[in-house]
Amino acid sequence: MTSLPRYLVFLAFAFSLGSAAKTGVPQETQSSPYTYVDPKVGYLPLPLVKTEVHKVVANETVYKVTYSFGQFGERLTPSVVESPQVHLTVFGGSLGFGEGVNDNETILFHLVKNNPKVMPYNFAFRGQGPNSFLARLEFTNVLKDMSPTKGTFVYLHAPFHYRRAYGYSNVIGLWGRNTPHYEITDTGELRYSGLFSESKPYLTQFYSWFAQLDLVQRLGLYFPIFAEGRARDLTCRIIARIEELIKRDQPQSQLIVVTLPRQSHAELPRCLTDGTHVHHDLRKSYPPHDLERMEIPLDGHYNPWGNQVLGDTIRPLLGEIQ
């Protein structure tokens, strides 16, 4: 293998200068590991694990919380469920997961609180997009094994999730190398191609180098460019496949997509705006000063109060299950 040209080595070194000296870099410790890589589904939480997570920025504690996981690797949600008649299942990324808050402070907790007839399942997880949940449905029996098998699935969608589904450099190069890669074939079929690290090994290596350059992070650069349309179309195909599998294995269940208040002016995938799916857009539901109060300082995820506000907003949108 030939070595990189000297000017590329110099550029990499120059761009990386200062990254080691940056102050305020977040540091996270955990009382026990809670993630692993499934060969098909990719990056997932470990089942039946409880861990305390401590995040520090510039020697200041940002949060110190507990994450608990159930038999399917779902985040456990304390509830008063006694004789469940339906389930309420959420999926998405860290906002739906409840990063930075305790088990009884997530959006899902506030959706099901004081309701003994609803079984909560939280399959959202940090860094994930709809592609991760689709792989979970395709390569596990969770749709048949969860109980009850009737209820509502809520995709807690963020406008940037299309980048996770498509495999942008600022995702694959930082945390998403072991997430599922779906693509649309020349014949128009949605195809699972493995994890990004397996299906695109050289591109993944390049993205891992590129995305971690200090200058790239400062300027917010990413690849590919001019791919937003294709990426959003792929996201729609993934959501459609998720709904198809739900209807196949749980005919009495429904899918609802809720866009959380992020990037209020960003374009959404067309299937969320043309009536293809039941969709509620919360991005303009709160004034800017409230949105700021809803976030964890030095972090950006929703704080306990923010999750309560969101839960109280979303609950009436779910219809008859409540």
Foldseek 3Di string as FASTA:
>chain_A
DDDDPPVVVVVLVVLQPPVVVDAFDKDKDKPDDFWDQDQFLGIAGDAQDKMWMWIDTRNHTLATEMWGHHPLRWTDADEQADAAPAEEEEEAACLQNPPRYYNCQHLQNLLHHPPRHYHYTYRYYHLAGLQSVLRSLVPDVCCQPDPPNAEEYEYADEQPRLCLQCPKLLRLLPPQQGHWHWDQDPVGDIDTQTGNCPNPVVVSVVSVSQNNRNVCVVVVDIDDPPCVLVSLVSSVVSVVSVQVSSCVSRVNYFYEYEHDQDPLPDDHRVCQVPVVHHYHYCNPVDDPVVQVVQARPSPGHGDSVNSNVSSVVCNVVRPDSD
